[in-house]
Amino acid sequence: MNETLKSTMDMVRTIKFSSRVKHHRNVADFLADRIVQAATQQTLLAAVERLCELMDADPGEMLSSVTAEFLKSVSKGDASGVLAWLRKYSRIAAMLTMLKQDDYLETVVSLEITDIQDDGSAIPDVPHDIGVKITCLSPLAHGADIKAGNASLYRRMDVLSTTGGMLRLPFYAGNAFRGQMRDILADDLVKSLGLLPRRDKPPLSLWFFQALYAGGSLEENSAAEKALRKSLGANGSVRAKGVHEFRDILPGLSLLGTALGNRVLCGRSRFSDFRPECRQWGNGETEVGELFEWLYLTRREDHEEYEENHSMIANTECLKAGSILRGGIDMDGISTELERSALGRGLQLLAETGYIGAENRRGLGRCRIECVNAPDPSPYREYLETNRSSILEYLSGMGAINACD
């Protein structure tokens, strides 16, 4: 029997019975979501304290003997392993608390901890052609693909450590950074052509709007395929001259790549994921758990005469202001000067905008972006200014422009 696990589960069970939270959900599901949130804390003691807060559990209604046994166990060497077990098996833990007393005791004493928290670190990242440092000036939200009720966890990945164990570490996806650059370069191109970059009524055909802002879409017999069939080839054939012309005229789009009709034009750049500076990533001294905080977000009902209350609350796990993320971008060996310059322009615009991540409208994700070896954006800007008419003519010929006024 793992005594630390048993004392922890006894504490979780006591918290469940002492909870004063009113809800209309299945109790096990509700508790599991709260365990997921609480287990993001750095230590087992902090996790249980957080669970008390989330469940609004009254300490005066808890058995003192259970609390005493738990406090004795958190100083043992396997406490980190129990916390790792709770993170991985939050729903199992919640299901255990629903068992009758005899079944609960029989089950919990039979459990053994195999998920020991690793004390190693990740293999350090390698240098990139263009180094990017992001300093968070406000908390940064970057949602994971799992939810915990009304709470959003920060995105993490599983990483093998230098000691052969497994770490689950936070990151900011390079694809998210690339997507923001795609949008900002698309707006920059549209403005340079003298058009208004509207989202409701864009001056672009749908297929070209998707190519610019979303990386395109693969569709047989689509408008994009029909429009590009003459210039880029059809029926499986590729007209190299047409492909080169497309890339040369639209270097910003060529830089990031796109899907057009039934073909894919690969980008000429590779974006790495961004790693927060911490001991576990091998690029800092701070413990990874110290980088995070939970923010309480709310939307209030402003309609004074509306009888029903439609206010919403949510909790979001964020990287704290002051956190530093490091990553970079590598260029393809066949990238052109204008494609590299377009990347420099994208980095310049992102730095001027000063926001990444989600929930920007709430002030989250404000940041300072600094680059090493960033390409000069001037050639790309000059190209757009001096070739505006020829670019418009080319796009109009492919049916990519709806209106030029």
Protein backbone atom coordinates (compact mmCIF):
# COMPACT_ATOMS: atom_id res chain seq x y z
CA MET A 1 0.00 0.00 0.00
CA ASN A 2 1.23 3.51 -0.82
CA GLU A 3 0.52 5.46 2.36
CA THR A 4 0.96 8.86 0.71
CA LEU A 5 -1.55 7.98 -2.00
CA LYS A 6 -4.06 6.70 0.58
CA SER A 7 -3.76 9.78 2.79
CA THR A 8 -4.11 12.01 -0.28
CA MET A 9 -7.20 10.18 -1.50
CA ASP A 10 -8.67 10.30 2.01
CA MET A 11 -8.15 14.07 1.88
CA VAL A 12 -9.75 14.37 -1.57
CA ARG A 13 -12.72 12.32 -0.37
CA THR A 14 -13.10 14.51 2.72
CA ILE A 15 -12.95 17.66 0.57
CA LYS A 16 -15.72 16.26 -1.63
CA PHE A 17 -17.98 15.62 1.37
CA SER A 18 -17.22 19.09 2.81
CA SER A 19 -17.79 21.01 -0.43
CA ARG A 20 -20.33 23.81 -0.40
CA VAL A 21 -20.31 24.39 -4.18
CA LYS A 22 -23.76 24.23 -5.79
CA HIS A 23 -23.82 22.67 -9.26
CA HIS A 24 -26.05 20.59 -11.53
CA ARG A 25 -23.41 18.25 -12.96
CA ASN A 26 -22.47 14.66 -12.26
CA VAL A 27 -20.49 14.79 -9.00
CA ALA A 28 -17.61 12.61 -10.27
CA ASP A 29 -17.19 14.70 -13.43
CA PHE A 30 -17.33 17.93 -11.46
CA LEU A 31 -14.73 16.71 -8.96
CA ALA A 32 -12.46 15.35 -11.73
CA ASP A 33 -12.40 18.75 -13.44
CA ARG A 34 -11.44 20.40 -10.14
CA ILE A 35 -8.68 17.84 -9.57
CA VAL A 36 -7.29 18.59 -13.04
CA GLN A 37 -7.09 22.28 -12.18
CA ALA A 38 -5.64 21.71 -8.72
CA ALA A 39 -3.00 19.24 -9.94
CA THR A 40 -1.32 21.93 -12.04
CA GLN A 41 0.22 23.24 -8.80
CA GLN A 42 3.89 22.61 -8.17
CA THR A 43 3.58 20.50 -4.99
CA LEU A 44 1.09 18.00 -3.60
CA LEU A 45 0.38 20.25 -0.63
CA ALA A 46 -0.36 23.22 -2.89
CA ALA A 47 -2.57 21.01 -5.09
CA VAL A 48 -4.76 19.90 -2.17
CA GLU A 49 -4.99 23.46 -0.87
CA ARG A 50 -6.09 24.60 -4.34
CA LEU A 51 -8.66 21.80 -4.45
CA CYS A 52 -10.09 23.06 -1.15
CA GLU A 53 -10.51 26.49 -2.70
CA LEU A 54 -12.09 25.17 -5.90
CA MET A 55 -14.53 22.96 -3.98
CA ASP A 56 -15.24 25.64 -1.35
CA ALA A 57 -14.59 23.03 1.33
CA ASP A 58 -15.01 24.12 4.95
CA PRO A 59 -11.90 23.11 7.00
CA GLY A 60 -14.07 23.03 10.10
CA GLU A 61 -16.11 20.17 8.64
CA MET A 62 -13.11 18.01 7.76
CA LEU A 63 -11.90 15.16 9.95
CA SER A 64 -8.81 16.37 11.80
CA SER A 65 -7.31 12.87 11.74
CA VAL A 66 -7.46 12.78 7.92
CA THR A 67 -5.86 16.20 7.64
CA ALA A 68 -3.11 15.25 10.10
CA GLU A 69 -2.21 12.05 8.22
CA PHE A 70 -2.09 13.92 4.93
CA LEU A 71 0.19 16.64 6.31
CA LYS A 72 2.56 13.96 7.60
CA SER A 73 2.73 12.28 4.19
CA VAL A 74 3.41 15.32 1.98
CA SER A 75 7.01 15.53 3.18
CA LYS A 76 7.76 11.98 2.03
CA GLY A 77 9.78 11.31 -1.08
CA ASP A 78 6.88 9.85 -3.06
CA ALA A 79 4.68 12.96 -2.77
CA SER A 80 5.76 14.13 -6.23
CA GLY A 81 4.84 10.74 -7.64
CA VAL A 82 1.36 10.95 -6.10
CA LEU A 83 0.92 14.41 -7.64
CA ALA A 84 1.97 13.05 -11.04
CA TRP A 85 -0.57 10.22 -10.57
CA LEU A 86 -3.35 12.73 -9.82
CA ARG A 87 -2.48 14.70 -12.97
CA LYS A 88 -2.70 11.61 -15.12
CA TYR A 89 -5.63 9.84 -13.45
CA SER A 90 -7.86 12.66 -12.24
CA ARG A 91 -11.05 10.87 -13.28
CA ILE A 92 -9.98 7.62 -11.60
CA ALA A 93 -9.32 9.59 -8.43
CA ALA A 94 -12.79 11.15 -8.64
CA MET A 95 -14.39 7.73 -9.24
CA LEU A 96 -12.62 6.34 -6.16
CA THR A 97 -14.27 8.93 -3.94
CA MET A 98 -17.70 7.78 -5.12
CA LEU A 99 -17.25 4.21 -3.82
CA LYS A 100 -18.79 3.01 -0.60
CA GLN A 101 -16.46 3.01 2.41
CA ASP A 102 -15.50 -0.71 2.32
CA ASP A 103 -15.04 -0.77 -1.47
CA TYR A 104 -13.08 2.47 -1.30
CA LEU A 105 -10.66 1.16 1.35
CA GLU A 106 -10.18 -2.16 -0.44
CA THR A 107 -9.42 -0.41 -3.71
CA VAL A 108 -7.20 2.43 -2.52
CA VAL A 109 -4.88 0.17 -0.49
CA SER A 110 -4.30 -1.99 -3.58
CA LEU A 111 -3.03 0.90 -5.70
CA GLU A 112 0.67 1.37 -6.36
CA ILE A 113 2.35 4.44 -7.81
CA THR A 114 4.31 3.86 -11.00
CA ASP A 115 4.18 7.41 -12.39
CA ILE A 116 7.10 8.91 -10.51
CA GLN A 117 7.79 12.56 -11.30
CA ASP A 118 11.11 12.93 -13.09
CA ASP A 119 13.76 15.33 -11.77
CA GLY A 120 15.66 15.53 -15.06
CA SER A 121 15.35 18.12 -17.79
CA ALA A 122 14.66 18.18 -21.50
CA ILE A 123 17.44 18.02 -24.06
CA PRO A 124 18.38 21.65 -24.81
CA ASP A 125 17.18 23.18 -28.05
CA VAL A 126 19.63 23.83 -30.90
CA PRO A 127 20.34 27.33 -32.30
CA HIS A 128 18.09 28.59 -35.10
CA ASP A 129 18.85 30.71 -38.15
CA ILE A 130 16.73 33.44 -36.57
CA GLY A 131 16.48 33.40 -32.79
CA VAL A 132 13.28 34.77 -31.24
CA LYS A 133 12.87 35.80 -27.60
CA ILE A 134 9.39 36.60 -26.29
CA THR A 135 9.03 38.39 -22.95
CA CYS A 136 5.51 38.30 -21.48
CA LEU A 137 4.39 41.75 -20.34
CA SER A 138 1.01 40.39 -19.25
CA PRO A 139 -0.19 36.83 -18.54
CA LEU A 140 -0.20 34.57 -21.61
CA ALA A 141 -3.03 32.13 -22.37
CA HIS A 142 -2.47 29.27 -24.82
CA GLY A 143 -5.23 26.70 -24.45
CA ALA A 144 -4.67 22.96 -24.45
CA ASP A 145 -6.87 20.53 -26.37
CA ILE A 146 -8.50 19.35 -23.14
CA LYS A 147 -10.95 21.16 -20.89
CA ALA A 148 -11.65 20.95 -17.17
CA GLY A 149 -15.20 22.23 -16.90
CA ASN A 150 -15.10 26.01 -17.29
CA ALA A 151 -11.30 26.01 -16.94
CA SER A 152 -8.77 26.10 -19.76
CA LEU A 153 -5.36 24.58 -19.12
CA TYR A 154 -2.18 25.87 -20.71
CA ARG A 155 -0.82 23.78 -23.58
CA ARG A 156 1.80 21.13 -22.73
CA MET A 157 3.73 18.36 -24.46
CA ASP A 158 5.30 15.10 -23.25
CA VAL A 159 9.10 15.22 -23.37
CA LEU A 160 11.69 12.54 -22.62
CA SER A 161 14.10 13.86 -19.99
CA THR A 162 17.87 13.51 -19.78
CA THR A 163 17.35 10.80 -17.13
CA GLY A 164 15.03 8.73 -19.32
CA GLY A 165 11.83 9.78 -17.59
CA MET A 166 8.83 11.66 -18.93
CA LEU A 167 8.13 15.35 -18.41
CA ARG A 168 4.97 17.22 -19.36
CA LEU A 169 6.14 20.72 -20.18
CA PRO A 170 4.45 23.94 -21.35
CA PHE A 171 5.17 25.51 -24.72
CA TYR A 172 3.85 28.09 -27.14
CA ALA A 173 3.22 26.41 -30.49
CA GLY A 174 5.35 27.56 -33.40
CA ASN A 175 2.34 26.93 -35.61
CA ALA A 176 0.38 29.52 -33.60
CA PHE A 177 3.17 32.06 -34.08
CA ARG A 178 3.28 31.17 -37.79
CA GLY A 179 -0.50 31.60 -38.05
CA GLN A 180 -0.33 35.07 -36.51
CA MET A 181 2.43 35.99 -38.94
CA ARG A 182 0.33 34.70 -41.83
CA ASP A 183 -2.58 36.96 -40.84
CA ILE A 184 -0.43 40.03 -40.32
CA LEU A 185 1.43 39.55 -43.62
CA ALA A 186 -1.88 39.00 -45.42
CA ASP A 187 -3.25 42.29 -44.07
CA ASP A 188 0.00 44.00 -45.02
CA LEU A 189 -0.24 42.71 -48.61
CA VAL A 190 -3.88 43.72 -49.01
CA LYS A 191 -3.17 47.22 -47.68
CA SER A 192 -0.14 47.55 -49.98
CA LEU A 193 -2.40 46.81 -52.96
CA GLY A 194 -4.65 49.69 -51.95
CA LEU A 195 -7.44 47.43 -50.72
CA LEU A 196 -9.23 47.32 -47.38
CA PRO A 197 -8.45 44.13 -45.37
CA ARG A 198 -11.99 43.51 -44.15
CA ARG A 199 -13.12 40.14 -42.75
CA ASP A 200 -16.86 40.62 -43.32
CA LYS A 201 -16.62 41.65 -46.98
CA PRO A 202 -13.04 41.00 -48.11
CA PRO A 203 -12.00 42.35 -51.50
CA LEU A 204 -10.63 38.90 -52.37
CA SER A 205 -12.18 35.80 -53.87
CA LEU A 206 -12.91 33.17 -51.26
CA TRP A 207 -10.23 30.76 -52.48
CA PHE A 208 -7.55 33.46 -52.43
CA PHE A 209 -8.71 34.75 -49.04
CA GLN A 210 -8.32 31.20 -47.69
CA ALA A 211 -4.90 30.88 -49.32
CA LEU A 212 -3.68 34.14 -47.74
CA TYR A 213 -5.21 33.91 -44.27
CA ALA A 214 -5.75 30.21 -43.60
CA GLY A 215 -3.13 28.43 -45.68
CA GLY A 216 -5.69 27.49 -48.34
CA SER A 217 -7.86 24.41 -48.62
CA LEU A 218 -7.59 21.21 -50.63
CA GLU A 219 -10.63 20.75 -52.88
CA GLU A 220 -11.03 18.90 -56.15
CA ASN A 221 -12.78 20.97 -58.83
CA SER A 222 -12.74 24.03 -56.59
CA ALA A 223 -12.70 27.64 -57.76
CA ALA A 224 -9.03 27.80 -56.86
CA GLU A 225 -8.17 24.79 -58.96
CA LYS A 226 -10.10 26.11 -61.95
CA ALA A 227 -8.55 29.56 -61.63
CA LEU A 228 -5.03 28.19 -61.38
CA ARG A 229 -5.31 25.28 -63.80
CA LYS A 230 -3.86 27.22 -66.72
CA SER A 231 -0.96 28.74 -64.83
CA LEU A 232 0.01 25.96 -62.43
CA GLY A 233 -0.99 22.86 -64.38
CA ALA A 234 -3.89 20.38 -64.39
CA ASN A 235 -4.65 16.64 -64.35
CA GLY A 236 -1.61 15.83 -62.25
CA SER A 237 0.81 17.86 -64.35
CA VAL A 238 2.79 20.77 -62.94
CA ARG A 239 3.78 23.84 -64.90
CA ALA A 240 7.04 24.77 -63.23
CA LYS A 241 7.08 28.19 -64.86
CA GLY A 242 3.65 29.01 -63.46
CA VAL A 243 4.59 27.80 -59.98
CA HIS A 244 7.78 29.88 -60.01
CA GLU A 245 5.82 32.92 -61.22
CA PHE A 246 3.28 32.50 -58.40
CA ARG A 247 6.06 32.28 -55.81
CA ASP A 248 7.97 35.22 -57.26
CA ILE A 249 4.94 37.53 -57.40
CA LEU A 250 3.70 36.58 -53.91
CA PRO A 251 6.85 36.00 -51.83
CA GLY A 252 5.03 36.45 -48.52
CA LEU A 253 2.61 33.64 -49.40
CA SER A 254 5.45 31.51 -50.77
CA LEU A 255 7.35 31.98 -47.51
CA LEU A 256 4.60 30.34 -45.41
CA GLY A 257 3.17 27.99 -48.06
CA THR A 258 -0.43 27.34 -49.02
CA ALA A 259 -2.84 24.80 -50.50
CA LEU A 260 -4.32 25.71 -53.86
CA GLY A 261 -7.05 23.55 -55.33
CA ASN A 262 -5.60 20.04 -55.36
CA ARG A 263 -1.94 20.91 -54.81
CA VAL A 264 0.23 22.11 -51.96
CA LEU A 265 2.97 24.73 -52.27
CA CYS A 266 5.30 24.10 -49.35
CA GLY A 267 6.58 27.03 -47.35
CA ARG A 268 10.20 28.08 -47.24
CA SER A 269 10.48 28.48 -43.44
CA ARG A 270 10.26 26.26 -40.36
CA PHE A 271 8.92 27.64 -37.06
CA SER A 272 10.01 26.02 -33.81
CA ASP A 273 7.87 25.78 -30.69
CA PHE A 274 8.68 28.34 -28.00
CA ARG A 275 9.92 27.03 -24.66
CA PRO A 276 9.53 28.98 -21.42
CA GLU A 277 12.77 29.50 -19.54
CA CYS A 278 12.80 27.01 -16.64
CA ARG A 279 14.92 24.23 -15.19
CA GLN A 280 12.84 21.46 -16.75
CA TRP A 281 13.35 22.81 -20.29
CA GLY A 282 17.08 23.10 -19.57
CA ASN A 283 17.21 26.81 -20.39
CA GLY A 284 16.71 28.44 -16.97
CA GLU A 285 16.77 28.00 -13.20
CA THR A 286 13.10 28.62 -12.28
CA GLU A 287 10.94 25.59 -11.50
CA VAL A 288 8.27 25.18 -14.17
CA GLY A 289 5.42 25.23 -11.63
CA GLU A 290 6.40 28.72 -10.53
CA LEU A 291 5.67 30.12 -14.01
CA PHE A 292 1.90 29.67 -13.81
CA GLU A 293 -1.14 31.36 -12.35
CA TRP A 294 -4.90 30.93 -12.70
CA LEU A 295 -6.90 33.93 -13.90
CA TYR A 296 -10.59 34.35 -13.17
CA LEU A 297 -12.43 35.70 -16.23
CA THR A 298 -16.04 36.79 -16.38
CA ARG A 299 -18.65 38.21 -18.75
CA ARG A 300 -21.40 40.12 -17.00
CA GLU A 301 -25.03 40.63 -17.99
CA ASP A 302 -25.46 44.30 -18.93
CA HIS A 303 -29.13 44.17 -19.93
CA GLU A 304 -30.82 45.74 -16.90
CA GLU A 305 -34.36 44.62 -17.77
CA TYR A 306 -33.51 41.03 -18.70
CA GLU A 307 -34.78 38.72 -15.96
CA GLU A 308 -32.42 35.79 -16.57
CA ASN A 309 -28.76 36.17 -15.67
CA HIS A 310 -26.49 35.13 -18.54
CA SER A 311 -23.19 36.07 -16.91
CA MET A 312 -20.38 33.60 -17.56
CA ILE A 313 -17.29 32.78 -15.54
CA ALA A 314 -14.17 30.92 -16.58
CA ASN A 315 -10.72 30.10 -15.25
CA THR A 316 -7.67 30.18 -17.48
CA GLU A 317 -4.21 28.87 -16.66
CA CYS A 318 -1.61 31.39 -17.86
CA LEU A 319 2.11 31.94 -17.97
CA LYS A 320 2.87 34.76 -15.57
CA ALA A 321 3.92 38.22 -16.73
CA GLY A 322 7.70 38.29 -16.83
CA SER A 323 8.02 34.77 -18.24
CA ILE A 324 10.44 34.43 -21.15
CA LEU A 325 9.96 32.07 -24.09
CA ARG A 326 12.70 31.16 -26.54
CA GLY A 327 12.41 29.66 -29.99
CA GLY A 328 13.31 30.47 -33.54
CA ILE A 329 12.82 30.13 -37.27
CA ASP A 330 14.94 28.26 -39.82
CA MET A 331 14.95 29.13 -43.49
CA ASP A 332 14.83 26.69 -46.38
CA GLY A 333 18.09 26.57 -48.33
CA ILE A 334 16.30 27.58 -51.54
CA SER A 335 14.46 30.57 -50.07
CA THR A 336 14.81 33.78 -52.06
CA GLU A 337 15.90 37.19 -50.83
CA LEU A 338 12.33 38.47 -51.05
CA GLU A 339 10.96 35.50 -49.09
CA ARG A 340 13.53 36.08 -46.35
CA SER A 341 12.70 39.79 -46.40
CA ALA A 342 8.98 38.96 -46.11
CA LEU A 343 9.84 37.02 -42.95
CA GLY A 344 11.68 40.07 -41.64
CA ARG A 345 8.58 42.16 -42.37
CA GLY A 346 6.37 39.67 -40.54
CA LEU A 347 8.61 39.73 -37.47
CA GLN A 348 8.69 43.53 -37.59
CA LEU A 349 4.89 43.74 -37.69
CA LEU A 350 4.45 41.18 -34.90
CA ALA A 351 6.90 43.11 -32.71
CA GLU A 352 5.02 46.35 -33.40
CA THR A 353 1.67 44.72 -32.60
CA GLY A 354 3.07 43.26 -29.38
CA TYR A 355 0.48 40.52 -28.73
CA ILE A 356 0.46 36.74 -29.07
CA GLY A 357 -1.83 33.99 -27.83
CA ALA A 358 -5.51 34.00 -27.00
CA GLU A 359 -7.68 36.41 -25.04
CA ASN A 360 -5.93 39.52 -26.41
CA ARG A 361 -9.13 41.51 -26.01
CA ARG A 362 -8.79 40.99 -22.26
CA GLY A 363 -5.24 42.31 -22.28
CA LEU A 364 -3.60 38.90 -22.13
CA GLY A 365 -0.63 38.01 -24.34
CA ARG A 366 0.98 41.45 -24.43
CA CYS A 367 4.65 40.87 -25.07
CA ARG A 368 8.00 42.15 -26.28
CA ILE A 369 9.43 40.26 -29.26
CA GLU A 370 13.19 40.42 -29.90
CA CYS A 371 14.99 38.71 -32.75
CA VAL A 372 18.57 37.76 -33.57
CA ASN A 373 19.64 37.70 -37.24
CA ALA A 374 16.22 38.85 -38.45
CA PRO A 375 16.18 39.55 -42.21
CA ASP A 376 15.91 43.11 -43.47
CA PRO A 377 12.22 43.88 -44.21
CA SER A 378 13.05 46.78 -46.58
CA PRO A 379 13.41 44.80 -49.86
CA TYR A 380 9.98 43.24 -49.41
CA ARG A 381 8.33 46.57 -48.60
CA GLU A 382 9.97 48.20 -51.61
CA TYR A 383 8.89 45.29 -53.83
CA LEU A 384 5.22 45.75 -52.84
CA GLU A 385 5.38 49.51 -53.38
CA THR A 386 7.03 49.39 -56.81
CA ASN A 387 5.11 46.38 -58.17
CA ARG A 388 1.61 47.17 -56.96
CA SER A 389 0.10 47.42 -60.44
CA SER A 390 1.68 44.21 -61.77
CA ILE A 391 0.64 42.24 -58.66
CA LEU A 392 -2.95 43.49 -59.00
CA GLU A 393 -2.94 42.60 -62.70
CA TYR A 394 -1.66 39.09 -61.97
CA LEU A 395 -4.24 38.48 -59.23
CA SER A 396 -7.07 39.90 -61.31
CA GLY A 397 -6.10 37.60 -64.18
CA MET A 398 -6.53 34.60 -61.85
CA GLY A 399 -9.85 35.85 -60.49
CA ALA A 400 -8.37 36.44 -57.04
CA ILE A 401 -9.70 40.03 -56.69
CA ASN A 402 -13.36 40.85 -56.20
CA ALA A 403 -12.97 44.63 -56.29
CA CYS A 404 -10.11 47.07 -56.63
CA ASP A 405 -11.76 50.19 -55.29
